[in-house]
Amino acid sequence: MSRTVAVTGGTGFVGAALIQTLIERGDKVKALARDAQRLAHFPDIAVVPGSLENEGALSSLAEGSDILIHCAGLTHARRDEEFFSVNVEGARRAAQAAARHRAKLVHISSLAARRPEVSAYAESKRKSEDAVAEGSGANPFIALRAPAIYGPGDAATLPYFKLVRSGLAPEPAAEPSPRASILYVGDVVAAILQAADEARENAIYEIGDDSPSGYSWGEIGQALGEAFGRPPARLPAPRWLLASYATCAAGISRMAGQAPMVTPGKIREFFHPDWVARDNLLADATSWRARTPLKEGFAKTVRWYQENGLL
C-alpha cells in the first residue's frame, strides 16, 4: 500500500538515495528543500520550500504524511555552535512538526552519539536524540545510529578513494587498530525503511554492517585496493601530525568562511578505538540485514565515480 513519506535532507547523499528508493517503491514523497531545483531530477515528488529553521515549512512537510524521515544535518560546520543549532534544534523542530500531524518520525543519528565527549559533532548527535524524544511527546519515533556510510553519490569519501587509487591507504597509527562499522548506502536506506515498518517505537538502534566486529582501517584500505586492482601501501599516520594539520587546516578554512572538512574533533573521531555497532542492534530487532559485502560495495562505488568522471 502506497504511503506518503516526508523527507528532510533530500538533497544530501543519504536523503537522495532514500527518495529514489521511495519513488521506486511507489510511495508518495514530500521533501523539504531550500532550493527546489536541487530536487528537480526526481519525478512526481512534492517539494516544500524551506529549511529546518522554518517551523511553518516543517509543518507543511509533515501535514498529510504517514512517516517523516529526518535525514538533514551537518557533518561539517564553520563553528561548533552550528552543529547544535542545526543538528539539535533542527531535529527538535522536525519532531514537533511530526507530532503535530501524527506522522511517525524516523531520526537519522550517528554512532558518534555513543561518545559525545569526542567531538562537537558527536555531542550534537547525542543531544539530537534527546531533542527528538522531547519534541515527539507521545508521538512515536525511532532514532537510528548510522555508522560510516559510503556509496555512489558520496562526495565525503571521494578523497580517501583517490588516495587509495594512488597507492596509499592512510590509517591511524594506534595499537590496537581502531575498528568501525562501515555500510553501503543502499543498505542504510533499507535499514531506515525496515526500521519504520518493524522496529519497536520510542527507541534508539545502532545499524551494523556485514561484519559483527567491524573493520580496521587496514582492512578497509586493502578491500578498496582490490576494487582498484592493486593493494595499496598502508600509511600509519601519527596522531600528533594529523592533529597539527587539522588545527591549521580548520583555521584557514574558517578564515575563508568555509566549513573545514578536517578538524581536531574529526581526528579524535578517527582515532577512537571502537565505532563498531554493538548495542541494541537494528538487526536484532527487525528482519533487516546488511546485504552488500564491503568489497562488492567498494566495487560499485568505484564504478560510479569512474562513470561520472570523478576517478
Protein backbone atom coordinates (compact mmCIF):
# COMPACT_ATOMS: atom_id res chain seq x y z
CA MET A 1 0.00 0.00 0.00
CA SER A 2 1.34 3.39 -1.00
CA ARG A 3 2.19 5.78 1.81
CA THR A 4 3.12 9.42 1.98
CA VAL A 5 6.66 9.80 3.26
CA ALA A 6 8.17 13.17 4.14
CA VAL A 7 11.95 13.60 3.96
CA THR A 8 14.36 16.24 5.21
CA GLY A 9 17.88 16.28 3.80
CA GLY A 10 16.73 15.06 0.40
CA THR A 11 19.47 16.98 -1.39
CA GLY A 12 22.14 15.15 0.61
CA PHE A 13 23.85 11.83 -0.01
CA VAL A 14 21.63 9.51 2.05
CA GLY A 15 18.46 11.55 1.57
CA ALA A 16 18.74 11.46 -2.22
CA ALA A 17 19.24 7.68 -2.21
CA LEU A 18 16.26 7.35 0.12
CA ILE A 19 13.99 9.42 -2.14
CA GLN A 20 14.99 7.34 -5.17
CA THR A 21 14.07 4.12 -3.35
CA LEU A 22 10.76 5.55 -2.13
CA ILE A 23 9.84 6.52 -5.69
CA GLU A 24 10.74 3.04 -6.95
CA ARG A 25 8.55 1.52 -4.23
CA GLY A 26 5.58 3.62 -5.32
CA ASP A 27 5.38 5.79 -2.20
CA LYS A 28 4.31 9.40 -2.40
CA VAL A 29 7.22 11.65 -1.44
CA LYS A 30 7.30 15.12 0.09
CA ALA A 31 10.72 16.71 0.52
CA LEU A 32 11.95 19.84 2.27
CA ALA A 33 14.50 21.90 0.32
CA ARG A 34 15.89 25.42 0.41
CA ASP A 35 16.30 25.23 -3.38
CA ALA A 36 13.60 23.22 -5.16
CA GLN A 37 15.76 23.00 -8.31
CA ARG A 38 18.15 20.67 -6.49
CA LEU A 39 15.35 18.08 -6.42
CA ALA A 40 14.06 18.74 -9.93
CA HIS A 41 15.56 15.49 -11.24
CA PHE A 42 13.14 13.47 -9.10
CA PRO A 43 9.81 12.97 -10.91
CA ASP A 44 6.48 13.46 -9.21
CA ILE A 45 7.59 14.47 -5.72
CA ALA A 46 6.14 17.37 -3.78
CA VAL A 47 8.84 19.84 -2.78
CA VAL A 48 8.19 22.03 0.25
CA PRO A 49 10.37 25.15 0.08
CA GLY A 50 12.09 25.93 3.36
CA SER A 51 14.65 24.86 5.92
CA LEU A 52 14.89 23.33 9.38
CA GLU A 53 14.71 26.83 10.85
CA ASN A 54 11.25 27.34 9.33
CA GLU A 55 8.59 25.79 11.57
CA GLY A 56 5.86 26.58 9.05
CA ALA A 57 7.68 24.73 6.29
CA LEU A 58 8.26 21.73 8.56
CA SER A 59 4.58 21.71 9.48
CA SER A 60 3.62 21.74 5.79
CA LEU A 61 6.06 18.89 5.19
CA ALA A 62 4.57 16.75 7.96
CA GLU A 63 0.94 17.51 7.15
CA GLY A 64 -0.70 14.52 5.47
CA SER A 65 2.40 12.37 5.84
CA ASP A 66 2.43 8.90 7.37
CA ILE A 67 6.15 9.00 8.16
CA LEU A 68 8.67 11.81 8.44
CA ILE A 69 12.28 10.68 7.91
CA HIS A 70 14.70 13.26 9.25
CA CYS A 71 17.98 12.91 7.36
CA ALA A 72 19.07 16.54 7.38
CA GLY A 73 22.03 17.59 9.49
CA LEU A 74 25.56 18.94 9.46
CA THR A 75 28.66 16.75 9.43
CA HIS A 76 30.96 19.75 8.98
CA ALA A 77 30.49 23.27 10.31
CA ARG A 78 32.32 26.59 10.38
CA ARG A 79 31.75 26.86 14.13
CA ASP A 80 30.79 24.29 16.74
CA GLU A 81 27.64 26.27 17.54
CA GLU A 82 26.28 25.44 14.08
CA PHE A 83 26.23 21.73 14.92
CA PHE A 84 23.88 22.41 17.80
CA SER A 85 21.61 24.90 16.03
CA VAL A 86 21.11 22.56 13.05
CA ASN A 87 21.54 19.04 14.40
CA VAL A 88 19.84 19.55 17.76
CA GLU A 89 17.29 22.32 17.30
CA GLY A 90 16.51 21.23 13.74
CA ALA A 91 15.75 17.72 14.99
CA ARG A 92 13.58 19.13 17.75
CA ARG A 93 11.52 21.17 15.29
CA ALA A 94 11.18 18.19 12.95
CA ALA A 95 9.93 16.04 15.83
CA GLN A 96 7.46 18.70 16.90
CA ALA A 97 6.12 19.02 13.35
CA ALA A 98 5.73 15.24 13.08
CA ALA A 99 3.93 15.15 16.42
CA ARG A 100 1.62 17.98 15.39
CA HIS A 101 0.43 15.99 12.37
CA ARG A 102 0.74 12.49 13.87
CA ALA A 103 3.43 11.31 11.46
CA LYS A 104 5.82 8.66 12.77
CA LEU A 105 9.32 10.12 12.99
CA VAL A 106 12.48 8.26 11.95
CA HIS A 107 15.52 10.27 13.02
CA ILE A 108 18.90 9.51 11.45
CA SER A 109 21.53 9.89 14.13
CA SER A 110 25.10 8.57 14.18
CA LEU A 111 27.21 6.03 16.03
CA ALA A 112 29.23 9.06 17.09
CA ALA A 113 26.39 9.84 19.51
CA ARG A 114 27.64 6.94 21.62
CA ARG A 115 30.70 9.02 22.60
CA PRO A 116 29.55 12.66 22.85
CA GLU A 117 32.80 13.72 24.51
CA VAL A 118 34.86 13.00 21.38
CA SER A 119 33.75 15.98 19.25
CA ALA A 120 31.18 18.73 18.92
CA TYR A 121 29.58 16.76 16.11
CA ALA A 122 29.25 13.67 18.31
CA GLU A 123 27.81 15.73 21.15
CA SER A 124 25.28 17.34 18.81
CA LYS A 125 24.11 13.94 17.56
CA ARG A 126 23.62 12.67 21.12
CA LYS A 127 21.69 15.81 22.02
CA SER A 128 19.64 15.47 18.82
CA GLU A 129 18.33 12.14 20.12
CA ASP A 130 17.27 13.79 23.37
CA ALA A 131 15.65 16.63 21.41
CA VAL A 132 13.69 14.17 19.29
CA ALA A 133 12.39 12.37 22.37
CA GLU A 134 11.36 15.67 23.97
CA GLY A 135 9.85 17.12 20.79
CA SER A 136 7.90 13.95 19.99
CA GLY A 137 6.00 13.83 23.26
CA ALA A 138 3.54 10.94 22.89
CA ASN A 139 4.13 10.69 19.12
CA PRO A 140 6.06 7.57 18.01
CA PHE A 141 9.69 7.99 16.97
CA ILE A 142 12.71 5.85 16.16
CA ALA A 143 16.33 7.03 16.23
CA LEU A 144 18.90 5.19 14.13
CA ARG A 145 22.62 5.47 14.85
CA ALA A 146 24.17 5.05 11.43
CA PRO A 147 27.83 4.01 11.00
CA ALA A 148 30.26 5.36 8.41
CA ILE A 149 28.41 5.37 5.07
CA TYR A 150 29.81 5.16 1.55
CA GLY A 151 28.46 4.57 -1.92
CA PRO A 152 27.54 6.19 -5.25
CA GLY A 153 26.90 9.89 -4.89
CA ASP A 154 29.06 10.43 -1.82
CA ALA A 155 31.50 13.34 -2.02
CA ALA A 156 32.88 12.99 1.52
CA THR A 157 34.70 9.70 0.95
CA LEU A 158 35.97 10.56 -2.54
CA PRO A 159 39.33 11.97 -1.28
CA TYR A 160 40.01 8.67 0.52
CA PHE A 161 39.19 6.71 -2.64
CA LYS A 162 41.62 8.91 -4.59
CA LEU A 163 44.39 8.29 -2.07
CA VAL A 164 43.92 4.53 -2.23
CA ARG A 165 43.86 4.66 -6.03
CA SER A 166 47.22 6.46 -5.87
CA GLY A 167 48.58 3.51 -3.88
CA LEU A 168 48.37 4.88 -0.32
CA ALA A 169 45.91 3.83 2.40
CA PRO A 170 46.15 6.12 5.45
CA GLU A 171 45.18 4.72 8.83
CA PRO A 172 45.58 5.75 12.47
CA ALA A 173 48.96 4.85 13.94
CA ALA A 174 47.48 3.21 17.03
CA GLU A 175 47.55 -0.15 18.78
CA PRO A 176 45.19 -1.86 18.79
CA SER A 177 43.98 -0.62 15.44
CA PRO A 178 40.67 1.28 15.68
CA ARG A 179 37.70 -0.58 14.25
CA ALA A 180 34.46 0.71 12.78
CA SER A 181 31.27 -0.42 11.12
CA ILE A 182 31.01 0.80 7.53
CA LEU A 183 27.88 0.41 5.43
CA TYR A 184 26.87 0.75 1.78
CA VAL A 185 24.27 3.48 1.22
CA GLY A 186 21.71 1.08 -0.25
CA ASP A 187 21.82 -0.97 2.94
CA VAL A 188 21.37 2.20 5.01
CA VAL A 189 18.24 3.11 3.05
CA ALA A 190 16.87 -0.41 3.52
CA ALA A 191 17.59 -0.14 7.25
CA ILE A 192 15.68 3.13 7.50
CA LEU A 193 12.62 1.76 5.74
CA GLN A 194 12.54 -1.54 7.62
CA ALA A 195 13.02 0.25 10.93
CA ALA A 196 10.00 2.42 10.11
CA ASP A 197 7.93 -0.70 9.43
CA GLU A 198 9.17 -3.17 12.04
CA ALA A 199 11.16 -1.63 14.89
CA ARG A 200 9.72 -1.03 18.33
CA GLU A 201 8.95 2.65 18.68
CA ASN A 202 10.48 5.22 21.02
CA ALA A 203 13.88 3.53 20.95
CA ILE A 204 17.42 4.03 19.63
CA TYR A 205 19.01 1.40 17.39
CA GLU A 206 22.55 1.00 16.11
CA ILE A 207 22.94 -0.06 12.48
CA GLY A 208 25.75 -2.57 11.94
CA ASP A 209 27.37 -3.90 8.78
CA ASP A 210 28.15 -7.35 7.39
CA SER A 211 30.91 -7.94 9.97
CA PRO A 212 29.96 -8.25 13.68
CA SER A 213 33.40 -6.95 14.66
CA GLY A 214 33.51 -4.19 12.05
CA TYR A 215 36.67 -3.43 10.11
CA SER A 216 40.07 -1.95 10.88
CA TRP A 217 41.32 0.87 8.68
CA GLY A 218 43.93 -1.51 7.31
CA GLU A 219 41.21 -3.94 6.25
CA ILE A 220 39.17 -1.10 4.71
CA GLY A 221 42.17 0.11 2.70
CA GLN A 222 43.02 -3.36 1.44
CA ALA A 223 39.40 -4.06 0.41
CA LEU A 224 39.26 -0.79 -1.51
CA GLY A 225 42.62 -1.55 -3.11
CA GLU A 226 41.14 -4.76 -4.52
CA ALA A 227 38.45 -2.68 -6.23
CA PHE A 228 41.25 -0.77 -7.97
CA GLY A 229 43.11 -3.95 -8.84
CA ARG A 230 46.18 -3.45 -6.65
CA PRO A 231 46.85 -3.44 -2.91
CA PRO A 232 47.81 -0.04 -1.52
CA ALA A 233 50.70 0.60 0.85
CA ARG A 234 49.49 1.08 4.40
CA LEU A 235 50.32 4.54 5.71
CA PRO A 236 50.07 4.73 9.53
CA ALA A 237 49.61 8.40 10.46
CA PRO A 238 50.71 9.65 13.91
CA ARG A 239 48.02 11.37 15.91
CA TRP A 240 50.15 14.43 16.69
CA LEU A 241 50.83 15.01 12.99
CA LEU A 242 47.19 14.77 11.95
CA ALA A 243 46.07 16.90 14.90
CA SER A 244 48.55 19.65 13.96
CA TYR A 245 47.44 19.55 10.34
CA ALA A 246 43.77 19.65 11.35
CA THR A 247 44.28 22.70 13.56
CA CYS A 248 45.98 24.63 10.74
CA ALA A 249 43.59 23.48 8.02
CA ALA A 250 40.50 24.25 10.10
CA GLY A 251 41.79 27.73 10.90
CA ILE A 252 42.44 28.51 7.24
CA SER A 253 39.01 27.22 6.18
CA ARG A 254 37.22 29.26 8.82
CA MET A 255 39.10 32.44 7.88
CA ALA A 256 37.84 31.84 4.34
CA GLY A 257 34.29 31.47 5.65
CA GLN A 258 34.15 27.76 4.83
CA ALA A 259 33.28 24.70 6.90
CA PRO A 260 36.52 22.71 7.39
CA MET A 261 36.48 19.07 6.32
CA VAL A 262 39.24 18.14 8.78
CA THR A 263 39.16 19.39 12.37
CA PRO A 264 40.73 18.31 15.67
CA GLY A 265 37.34 16.76 16.52
CA LYS A 266 37.41 14.68 13.33
CA ILE A 267 40.90 13.47 14.21
CA ARG A 268 39.67 12.38 17.64
CA GLU A 269 36.85 10.51 15.90
CA PHE A 270 39.38 8.93 13.51
CA PHE A 271 41.49 7.63 16.41
CA HIS A 272 38.61 6.46 18.60
CA PRO A 273 39.17 2.71 19.06
CA ASP A 274 35.62 1.43 18.66
CA TRP A 275 32.97 2.67 16.26
CA VAL A 276 31.53 -0.83 15.82
CA ALA A 277 27.75 -1.17 16.16
CA ARG A 278 27.12 -3.40 19.16
CA ASP A 279 24.27 -2.07 21.30
CA ASN A 280 20.54 -2.56 20.64
CA LEU A 281 21.24 -3.61 17.06
CA LEU A 282 18.60 -2.99 14.43
CA ALA A 283 19.37 -6.44 13.01
CA ASP A 284 18.24 -8.00 16.31
CA ALA A 285 15.00 -6.01 16.38
CA THR A 286 13.89 -6.40 12.75
CA SER A 287 14.38 -8.59 9.69
CA TRP A 288 16.90 -6.11 8.25
CA ARG A 289 20.38 -7.39 7.42
CA ALA A 290 23.31 -5.79 5.63
CA ARG A 291 23.25 -7.26 2.11
CA THR A 292 26.31 -5.66 0.49
CA PRO A 293 29.75 -7.04 1.42
CA LEU A 294 32.45 -4.40 1.71
CA LYS A 295 34.36 -5.44 -1.42
CA GLU A 296 31.18 -5.51 -3.51
CA GLY A 297 30.10 -2.10 -2.23
CA PHE A 298 33.51 -0.61 -2.94
CA ALA A 299 33.47 -2.02 -6.48
CA LYS A 300 30.04 -0.45 -7.12
CA THR A 301 31.19 2.87 -5.73
CA VAL A 302 34.43 2.94 -7.72
CA ARG A 303 32.49 2.17 -10.89
CA TRP A 304 30.05 5.04 -10.20
CA TYR A 305 32.90 7.50 -9.53
CA GLN A 306 34.59 6.43 -12.77
CA GLU A 307 31.41 6.64 -14.84
CA ASN A 308 30.84 10.17 -13.54
CA GLY A 309 34.40 11.33 -14.23
CA LEU A 310 35.37 11.65 -10.57
CA LEU A 311 38.10 8.98 -10.58
